[in-house]
Amino acid sequence: MKTLFKNYMDSFSGLSKEIWWLALITLINRAGTMVIPFLSIYLTEDLDISKSNVGWIMTCFGLGSLVGTWFGGKLTDIIGYYKIMVFSLLATGFLFIGLQYLTTFKSLCIGIFFTMCVADMFRPASFVAMSAYSKPENKTRSVTLIRLAINLGFSAGPAVGGLIITHLSYGGLFWVDGITCILATLVLFNVLNPKTAKIQDDIIVKNPKSAYRDIPFLIFFGAMVLFAIVFFQYFSAMPIYYREAHELSELQVGLLLGANGLFIFLFEMPLIKWLEKTKNTKVGLILFGAFLTGLSLIVLNITEWSGILIIGMLLMTIGEMIAFPFANGFALDRAKRGNQGEFMAMYAMAFSVGSIFGHNVGLQLAEKLGFDNTWYIMTVLAILCVLLLFILKLYMKKKTA
């Protein structure tokens, strides 16, 4: 047991203190995002908005994310990641607090769009910051540490969120989300100020290559859009599926979603360290993660036994643990060829595009065709994602041959 614990702790060694601070800021911020997994339930049950209209609200969520990510990437290359991160976190805190006072379909569409515009400016800036604070050999593990912080926040968030809803109301979630963003800003301002933070990998490209002309990156982008559409079902259609098809309470939904983050917190870092030592390519590992994520949906149609939800969540969690760190690592590798902000913004935009279509399509399909058919269709998209990644793997192998 002592050896196992030592090996686990060794998987965190060698990372800079700035990366640890960035992880803490991310943890504080993400601990307050407990409102997101419950958003579709809140809109349908508390505000009596139809699933179809919730789908359009979630599309505005994705559109805001897309615009904010693109704009954040551009500004990161112009004025730097630090200023963008500070502005995004602070403004997002106040915007999240204000969301609870919007109750009509139109106001929610507008409010969520602008909130996500500001919130997701943080994403490309944080990617570039993470790259700057990491030595080249530590980048994938740095990504994994940041993801651990995200998932630790998500593991506590939904469980605490379920308790708050049960004993108080949804309004408290918006307050907590906003306050944690503001607290994260204060930490960021004090510990990652450019005057004191130490840069580990200062990449300067004299003739930067455009991300929009990088063929492998474009194939990768398409695959990540498909992956995101499938993955985001767990944040919109899936919570409603848990409620309607299996009659789980908000607390049970929160615990099931929270188990995902806890499992990742415990096992992802050692898994990534072990996978880095294998001969598998980043693309090959992303492919396998995408396959498991698709499999997590199709198994739900095998039986009506509620225990299958745990199996599905486990498959998705393992797929996520493998796919995300290596996808992020692949994007960082390609970003060294050009403007980092542009490349990392485009990577993040793949998930924004996936959010635009994923939430809406999933909810529309669930309302019109039922959940079983929705999971079949999402599995087909997962297969297309795997095929694109296989093409990318062959392309990369050919280029290095």
Protein backbone atom coordinates (compact mmCIF):
# COMPACT_ATOMS: atom_id res chain seq x y z
CA MET A 1 0.00 0.00 0.00
CA LYS A 2 2.89 2.33 0.88
CA THR A 3 4.53 1.63 -2.51
CA LEU A 4 1.24 2.26 -4.31
CA PHE A 5 0.84 5.61 -2.55
CA LYS A 6 4.46 6.56 -3.35
CA ASN A 7 3.97 5.74 -7.05
CA TYR A 8 0.79 7.82 -7.04
CA MET A 9 2.56 10.82 -5.51
CA ASP A 10 5.53 10.40 -7.89
CA SER A 11 3.15 10.90 -10.81
CA PHE A 12 2.79 14.54 -9.65
CA SER A 13 6.54 15.23 -9.33
CA GLY A 14 8.38 17.74 -11.49
CA LEU A 15 5.46 20.13 -12.10
CA SER A 16 6.11 23.84 -11.52
CA LYS A 17 4.51 25.72 -8.61
CA GLU A 18 2.72 27.96 -11.16
CA ILE A 19 0.94 24.91 -12.54
CA TRP A 20 -0.14 23.98 -9.02
CA TRP A 21 -1.47 27.51 -8.49
CA LEU A 22 -3.29 27.37 -11.82
CA ALA A 23 -4.80 24.05 -10.74
CA LEU A 24 -5.98 25.60 -7.45
CA ILE A 25 -7.57 28.53 -9.29
CA THR A 26 -9.31 26.09 -11.60
CA LEU A 27 -10.51 24.04 -8.61
CA ILE A 28 -12.00 27.09 -6.89
CA ASN A 29 -13.66 28.16 -10.13
CA ARG A 30 -15.03 24.73 -11.08
CA ALA A 31 -16.32 23.94 -7.59
CA GLY A 32 -18.95 26.57 -8.28
CA THR A 33 -20.08 25.19 -11.63
CA MET A 34 -22.53 22.91 -9.84
CA VAL A 35 -25.33 24.79 -11.62
CA ILE A 36 -24.36 23.48 -15.07
CA PRO A 37 -25.29 19.77 -14.69
CA PHE A 38 -28.66 20.84 -13.24
CA LEU A 39 -29.34 23.59 -15.79
CA SER A 40 -31.58 21.49 -18.06
CA ILE A 41 -33.58 20.22 -15.06
CA TYR A 42 -33.86 23.76 -13.64
CA LEU A 43 -35.14 25.16 -16.93
CA THR A 44 -37.70 22.38 -17.51
CA GLU A 45 -39.00 21.92 -13.96
CA ASP A 46 -38.59 25.27 -12.17
CA LEU A 47 -39.19 27.60 -15.13
CA ASP A 48 -41.52 25.22 -17.03
CA ILE A 49 -39.63 25.62 -20.31
CA SER A 50 -40.13 22.86 -22.90
CA LYS A 51 -37.29 20.50 -23.81
CA SER A 52 -37.29 21.99 -27.31
CA ASN A 53 -36.78 25.53 -25.98
CA VAL A 54 -34.20 24.29 -23.47
CA GLY A 55 -32.36 22.92 -26.50
CA TRP A 56 -32.28 26.41 -28.04
CA ILE A 57 -31.12 27.95 -24.76
CA MET A 58 -28.29 25.42 -24.66
CA THR A 59 -27.48 26.35 -28.26
CA CYS A 60 -27.06 29.95 -27.10
CA PHE A 61 -24.78 28.51 -24.39
CA GLY A 62 -22.66 26.94 -27.14
CA LEU A 63 -22.74 30.00 -29.42
CA GLY A 64 -21.56 32.21 -26.56
CA SER A 65 -18.80 29.72 -25.84
CA LEU A 66 -17.74 29.72 -29.50
CA VAL A 67 -17.62 33.52 -29.80
CA GLY A 68 -15.90 33.95 -26.44
CA THR A 69 -13.29 31.28 -27.18
CA TRP A 70 -12.43 32.77 -30.58
CA PHE A 71 -12.24 36.29 -29.16
CA GLY A 72 -10.23 35.09 -26.16
CA GLY A 73 -7.68 33.41 -28.43
CA LYS A 74 -7.24 36.56 -30.52
CA LEU A 75 -6.82 38.79 -27.46
CA THR A 76 -4.41 36.31 -25.84
CA ASP A 77 -2.04 36.64 -28.81
CA ILE A 78 -2.36 40.45 -28.65
CA ILE A 79 -2.32 41.42 -24.94
CA GLY A 80 -1.35 38.16 -23.18
CA TYR A 81 -3.06 35.42 -21.23
CA TYR A 82 -2.90 36.98 -17.75
CA LYS A 83 -5.12 40.01 -18.43
CA ILE A 84 -7.68 37.87 -20.25
CA MET A 85 -7.85 35.37 -17.39
CA VAL A 86 -8.37 38.08 -14.75
CA PHE A 87 -11.09 39.88 -16.72
CA SER A 88 -12.91 36.68 -17.67
CA LEU A 89 -13.08 35.22 -14.16
CA LEU A 90 -14.13 38.45 -12.44
CA ALA A 91 -16.82 39.42 -14.97
CA THR A 92 -18.17 35.87 -15.15
CA GLY A 93 -18.73 35.86 -11.39
CA PHE A 94 -21.12 38.81 -11.58
CA LEU A 95 -22.82 37.50 -14.72
CA PHE A 96 -23.57 34.11 -13.12
CA ILE A 97 -25.14 35.81 -10.08
CA GLY A 98 -27.35 37.81 -12.44
CA LEU A 99 -28.58 34.77 -14.39
CA GLN A 100 -30.94 33.69 -11.61
CA TYR A 101 -33.06 36.78 -12.20
CA LEU A 102 -33.75 35.86 -15.84
CA THR A 103 -36.92 33.79 -16.20
CA THR A 104 -38.20 34.21 -19.77
CA PHE A 105 -37.04 32.22 -22.80
CA LYS A 106 -35.66 35.26 -24.67
CA SER A 107 -33.88 36.77 -21.66
CA LEU A 108 -32.27 33.43 -20.83
CA CYS A 109 -31.05 33.01 -24.41
CA ILE A 110 -29.44 36.46 -24.34
CA GLY A 111 -28.13 36.19 -20.78
CA ILE A 112 -26.56 32.76 -21.20
CA PHE A 113 -25.03 33.79 -24.54
CA PHE A 114 -23.22 36.82 -23.03
CA THR A 115 -22.25 34.94 -19.88
CA MET A 116 -20.58 32.21 -21.91
CA CYS A 117 -18.93 34.79 -24.22
CA VAL A 118 -17.11 36.23 -21.22
CA ALA A 119 -16.59 32.93 -19.36
CA ASP A 120 -14.96 31.08 -22.25
CA MET A 121 -12.48 33.81 -23.05
CA PHE A 122 -10.66 32.16 -20.12
CA ARG A 123 -10.13 28.83 -21.93
CA PRO A 124 -7.53 29.64 -24.63
CA ALA A 125 -5.77 32.01 -22.23
CA SER A 126 -5.48 29.29 -19.58
CA PHE A 127 -4.18 26.79 -22.15
CA VAL A 128 -1.42 29.19 -23.19
CA ALA A 129 -0.63 29.94 -19.54
CA MET A 130 -0.39 26.23 -18.80
CA SER A 131 1.98 25.76 -21.74
CA ALA A 132 4.14 28.67 -20.58
CA TYR A 133 4.37 27.40 -17.00
CA SER A 134 5.23 23.80 -18.04
CA LYS A 135 8.46 22.27 -19.25
CA PRO A 136 7.97 20.52 -22.64
CA GLU A 137 8.26 17.04 -21.12
CA ASN A 138 5.63 17.83 -18.47
CA LYS A 139 2.87 19.33 -20.61
CA THR A 140 0.57 16.28 -20.79
CA ARG A 141 0.83 15.74 -17.03
CA SER A 142 0.24 19.46 -16.46
CA VAL A 143 -2.94 19.14 -18.53
CA THR A 144 -3.89 16.14 -16.41
CA LEU A 145 -3.34 18.05 -13.15
CA ILE A 146 -5.57 20.88 -14.37
CA ARG A 147 -8.19 18.29 -15.33
CA LEU A 148 -7.90 16.75 -11.87
CA ALA A 149 -8.70 20.15 -10.38
CA ILE A 150 -11.66 20.51 -12.74
CA ASN A 151 -12.99 17.08 -11.88
CA LEU A 152 -12.41 17.43 -8.16
CA GLY A 153 -14.53 20.57 -8.38
CA PHE A 154 -17.12 18.75 -10.47
CA SER A 155 -17.16 15.75 -8.11
CA ALA A 156 -17.96 17.96 -5.13
CA GLY A 157 -20.09 20.44 -7.08
CA PRO A 158 -22.97 18.22 -8.26
CA ALA A 159 -23.21 16.40 -4.93
CA VAL A 160 -23.29 19.69 -2.96
CA GLY A 161 -25.57 21.16 -5.64
CA GLY A 162 -28.06 18.35 -5.13
CA LEU A 163 -28.06 19.04 -1.38
CA ILE A 164 -28.56 22.79 -1.90
CA ILE A 165 -31.48 22.20 -4.27
CA THR A 166 -33.03 19.69 -1.87
CA HIS A 167 -32.81 21.94 1.20
CA LEU A 168 -32.80 25.45 -0.32
CA SER A 169 -33.35 26.33 -3.99
CA TYR A 170 -31.67 26.70 -7.37
CA GLY A 171 -30.99 30.37 -6.62
CA GLY A 172 -28.23 29.42 -4.19
CA LEU A 173 -26.36 27.63 -6.98
CA PHE A 174 -26.05 30.82 -9.03
CA TRP A 175 -24.71 32.71 -6.02
CA VAL A 176 -22.13 30.02 -5.26
CA ASP A 177 -21.04 29.85 -8.90
CA GLY A 178 -20.57 33.62 -9.08
CA ILE A 179 -18.78 33.95 -5.75
CA THR A 180 -16.32 31.16 -6.55
CA CYS A 181 -15.39 32.86 -9.84
CA ILE A 182 -14.67 36.07 -7.94
CA LEU A 183 -12.59 34.17 -5.34
CA ALA A 184 -10.63 32.48 -8.13
CA THR A 185 -9.86 35.94 -9.56
CA LEU A 186 -8.41 37.09 -6.24
CA VAL A 187 -6.13 34.04 -6.06
CA LEU A 188 -5.05 34.50 -9.70
CA PHE A 189 -4.28 38.17 -9.13
CA ASN A 190 -2.02 37.38 -6.17
CA VAL A 191 -0.11 34.27 -7.27
CA LEU A 192 0.19 34.37 -11.08
CA ASN A 193 1.06 38.00 -11.59
CA PRO A 194 3.58 38.29 -14.50
CA LYS A 195 5.99 40.15 -12.17
CA THR A 196 6.43 37.04 -9.98
CA ALA A 197 5.39 33.98 -12.04
CA LYS A 198 8.23 31.96 -13.62
CA ILE A 199 7.98 31.06 -17.32
CA GLN A 200 9.16 27.49 -18.09
CA ASP A 201 8.65 27.34 -21.86
CA ASP A 202 8.68 30.67 -23.71
CA ILE A 203 7.82 29.75 -27.31
CA ILE A 204 8.49 32.39 -29.96
CA VAL A 205 7.67 31.58 -33.59
CA LYS A 206 9.13 33.95 -36.18
CA ASN A 207 6.85 32.89 -39.03
CA PRO A 208 3.76 31.55 -37.27
CA LYS A 209 1.63 29.02 -39.11
CA SER A 210 -2.15 29.51 -39.20
CA ALA A 211 -4.20 26.85 -37.44
CA TYR A 212 -6.70 27.12 -40.30
CA ARG A 213 -4.10 25.84 -42.80
CA ASP A 214 -2.76 22.97 -40.70
CA ILE A 215 -4.30 19.85 -42.31
CA PRO A 216 -3.70 17.43 -39.39
CA PHE A 217 -5.13 20.01 -37.00
CA LEU A 218 -8.23 20.48 -39.18
CA ILE A 219 -8.86 16.71 -39.21
CA PHE A 220 -8.33 16.70 -35.45
CA PHE A 221 -10.75 19.64 -35.10
CA GLY A 222 -13.49 17.74 -36.96
CA ALA A 223 -13.00 14.67 -34.77
CA MET A 224 -13.15 16.76 -31.60
CA VAL A 225 -16.41 18.41 -32.71
CA LEU A 226 -18.00 14.97 -33.09
CA PHE A 227 -16.52 13.82 -29.79
CA ALA A 228 -17.88 16.92 -28.04
CA ILE A 229 -21.40 16.39 -29.42
CA VAL A 230 -21.42 12.88 -27.95
CA PHE A 231 -19.73 13.87 -24.68
CA PHE A 232 -22.05 16.82 -23.97
CA GLN A 233 -25.06 14.52 -23.79
CA TYR A 234 -23.94 13.94 -20.19
CA PHE A 235 -24.63 17.61 -19.39
CA SER A 236 -28.04 18.11 -20.99
CA ALA A 237 -30.02 15.08 -22.20
CA MET A 238 -28.49 12.61 -19.72
CA PRO A 239 -29.63 14.30 -16.47
CA ILE A 240 -33.20 14.38 -17.85
CA TYR A 241 -32.83 10.73 -18.92
CA TYR A 242 -31.80 9.85 -15.36
CA ARG A 243 -34.91 11.65 -14.04
CA GLU A 244 -37.51 10.49 -16.56
CA ALA A 245 -36.36 7.02 -17.62
CA HIS A 246 -34.93 5.87 -14.28
CA GLU A 247 -36.70 8.23 -11.85
CA LEU A 248 -33.55 9.35 -10.00
CA SER A 249 -33.78 12.29 -7.57
CA GLU A 250 -31.65 15.43 -7.97
CA LEU A 251 -29.42 14.15 -5.18
CA GLN A 252 -28.95 10.79 -6.93
CA VAL A 253 -28.23 12.57 -10.23
CA GLY A 254 -25.66 14.75 -8.44
CA LEU A 255 -23.99 11.76 -6.80
CA LEU A 256 -23.79 9.84 -10.10
CA LEU A 257 -22.27 12.81 -11.92
CA GLY A 258 -20.03 13.53 -8.94
CA ALA A 259 -18.70 9.95 -9.00
CA ASN A 260 -17.30 10.71 -12.46
CA GLY A 261 -15.14 13.54 -11.10
CA LEU A 262 -14.05 11.58 -8.04
CA PHE A 263 -12.96 8.58 -10.15
CA ILE A 264 -10.95 10.88 -12.42
CA PHE A 265 -9.36 12.59 -9.41
CA LEU A 266 -8.18 9.26 -8.01
CA PHE A 267 -7.01 7.46 -11.13
CA GLU A 268 -6.32 9.81 -14.06
CA MET A 269 -2.81 11.02 -13.18
CA PRO A 270 -1.33 7.53 -12.60
CA LEU A 271 -3.11 6.29 -15.74
CA ILE A 272 -1.69 9.11 -17.87
CA LYS A 273 1.83 8.63 -16.48
CA TRP A 274 1.62 4.91 -17.34
CA LEU A 275 0.19 5.55 -20.83
CA GLU A 276 2.96 8.07 -21.57
CA LYS A 277 5.49 5.27 -21.10
CA THR A 278 3.77 2.99 -23.64
CA LYS A 279 4.42 3.09 -27.38
CA ASN A 280 0.91 4.36 -28.14
CA THR A 281 0.64 7.64 -30.05
CA LYS A 282 -1.43 10.55 -28.75
CA VAL A 283 -3.88 10.13 -31.64
CA GLY A 284 -4.22 6.39 -31.01
CA LEU A 285 -5.06 7.02 -27.36
CA ILE A 286 -7.59 9.74 -28.24
CA LEU A 287 -9.20 7.25 -30.64
CA PHE A 288 -9.56 4.63 -27.90
CA GLY A 289 -11.03 7.20 -25.50
CA ALA A 290 -13.60 8.25 -28.11
CA PHE A 291 -14.54 4.59 -28.67
CA LEU A 292 -15.22 4.06 -24.95
CA THR A 293 -17.30 7.25 -24.78
CA GLY A 294 -19.53 6.05 -27.62
CA LEU A 295 -19.80 2.63 -25.98
CA SER A 296 -21.00 4.30 -22.76
CA LEU A 297 -24.16 5.44 -24.53
CA ILE A 298 -25.06 2.33 -26.50
CA VAL A 299 -24.93 0.12 -23.38
CA LEU A 300 -27.81 2.13 -21.90
CA ASN A 301 -30.14 0.51 -24.45
CA ILE A 302 -29.23 -3.04 -23.42
CA THR A 303 -31.39 -3.15 -20.29
CA GLU A 304 -33.82 -1.11 -18.17
CA TRP A 305 -31.86 -2.04 -15.01
CA SER A 306 -30.73 1.20 -13.36
CA GLY A 307 -27.33 -0.32 -12.54
CA ILE A 308 -26.44 0.08 -16.22
CA LEU A 309 -26.19 3.83 -15.53
CA ILE A 310 -23.14 3.19 -13.35
CA ILE A 311 -21.55 1.01 -16.06
CA GLY A 312 -22.24 3.67 -18.69
CA MET A 313 -20.78 6.39 -16.46
CA LEU A 314 -17.69 4.25 -15.80
CA LEU A 315 -17.08 3.68 -19.54
CA MET A 316 -17.52 7.37 -20.28
CA THR A 317 -15.20 8.32 -17.41
CA ILE A 318 -12.38 6.04 -18.61
CA GLY A 319 -12.86 7.30 -22.17
CA GLU A 320 -12.75 10.89 -20.95
CA MET A 321 -9.64 10.25 -18.83
CA ILE A 322 -7.77 8.96 -21.86
CA ALA A 323 -9.10 11.24 -24.61
CA PHE A 324 -8.94 14.69 -23.03
CA PRO A 325 -5.34 14.90 -21.75
CA PHE A 326 -3.86 13.52 -24.96
CA ALA A 327 -6.15 15.64 -27.15
CA ASN A 328 -4.97 18.69 -25.25
CA GLY A 329 -1.38 17.51 -25.56
CA PHE A 330 -1.76 17.03 -29.33
CA ALA A 331 -3.17 20.57 -29.65
CA LEU A 332 -0.28 22.04 -27.63
CA ASP A 333 2.24 20.23 -29.84
CA ARG A 334 0.68 21.67 -33.00
CA ALA A 335 0.45 25.14 -31.40
CA LYS A 336 4.25 25.34 -31.29
CA ARG A 337 4.13 25.83 -35.08
CA GLY A 338 2.13 29.06 -34.95
CA ASN A 339 0.19 31.53 -32.83
CA GLN A 340 -0.52 29.64 -29.62
CA GLY A 341 -3.66 31.61 -28.83
CA GLU A 342 -5.13 30.85 -32.26
CA PHE A 343 -4.38 27.11 -32.09
CA MET A 344 -5.65 26.69 -28.53
CA ALA A 345 -8.70 28.81 -29.28
CA MET A 346 -9.52 26.58 -32.22
CA TYR A 347 -9.09 23.50 -30.04
CA ALA A 348 -11.48 24.96 -27.47
CA MET A 349 -13.83 26.07 -30.27
CA ALA A 350 -14.27 22.43 -31.28
CA PHE A 351 -16.02 21.90 -27.95
CA SER A 352 -17.96 25.14 -28.37
CA VAL A 353 -19.25 23.96 -31.76
CA GLY A 354 -20.02 20.59 -30.15
CA SER A 355 -21.94 22.43 -27.45
CA ILE A 356 -23.97 24.40 -30.00
CA PHE A 357 -25.18 21.24 -31.73
CA GLY A 358 -24.78 18.62 -29.01
CA HIS A 359 -27.11 19.99 -26.36
CA ASN A 360 -29.82 21.07 -28.81
CA VAL A 361 -29.73 18.00 -31.05
CA GLY A 362 -29.70 15.64 -28.09
CA LEU A 363 -32.71 17.29 -26.45
CA GLN A 364 -34.63 17.65 -29.72
CA LEU A 365 -34.03 13.98 -30.57
CA ALA A 366 -35.00 12.90 -27.05
CA GLU A 367 -38.30 14.79 -27.30
CA LYS A 368 -39.18 13.60 -30.80
CA LEU A 369 -37.62 10.10 -31.02
CA GLY A 370 -37.10 9.09 -27.41
CA PHE A 371 -33.89 8.50 -25.47
CA ASP A 372 -33.13 5.03 -26.88
CA ASN A 373 -32.99 6.31 -30.47
CA THR A 374 -30.98 9.33 -29.31
CA TRP A 375 -28.29 7.05 -27.87
CA TYR A 376 -28.19 5.03 -31.13
CA ILE A 377 -27.66 8.21 -33.17
CA MET A 378 -24.97 9.49 -30.80
CA THR A 379 -23.16 6.16 -31.08
CA VAL A 380 -23.05 6.58 -34.87
CA LEU A 381 -21.45 10.02 -34.39
CA ALA A 382 -18.90 8.43 -32.03
CA ILE A 383 -18.04 5.89 -34.76
CA LEU A 384 -17.52 8.74 -37.26
CA CYS A 385 -15.23 10.43 -34.73
CA VAL A 386 -13.18 7.22 -34.39
CA LEU A 387 -12.90 6.95 -38.18
CA LEU A 388 -11.62 10.54 -38.48
CA LEU A 389 -9.03 9.90 -35.78
CA PHE A 390 -7.96 6.73 -37.59
CA ILE A 391 -7.46 8.78 -40.78
CA LEU A 392 -5.45 11.32 -38.75
CA LYS A 393 -3.32 8.52 -37.29
CA LEU A 394 -2.53 7.19 -40.80
CA TYR A 395 -1.76 10.75 -42.03
CA MET A 396 0.62 11.42 -39.15
CA LYS A 397 2.34 8.05 -39.62
CA LYS A 398 2.80 8.77 -43.33
CA LYS A 399 4.29 12.21 -42.63
CA THR A 400 6.83 10.82 -40.16
CA ALA A 401 7.73 7.78 -42.29
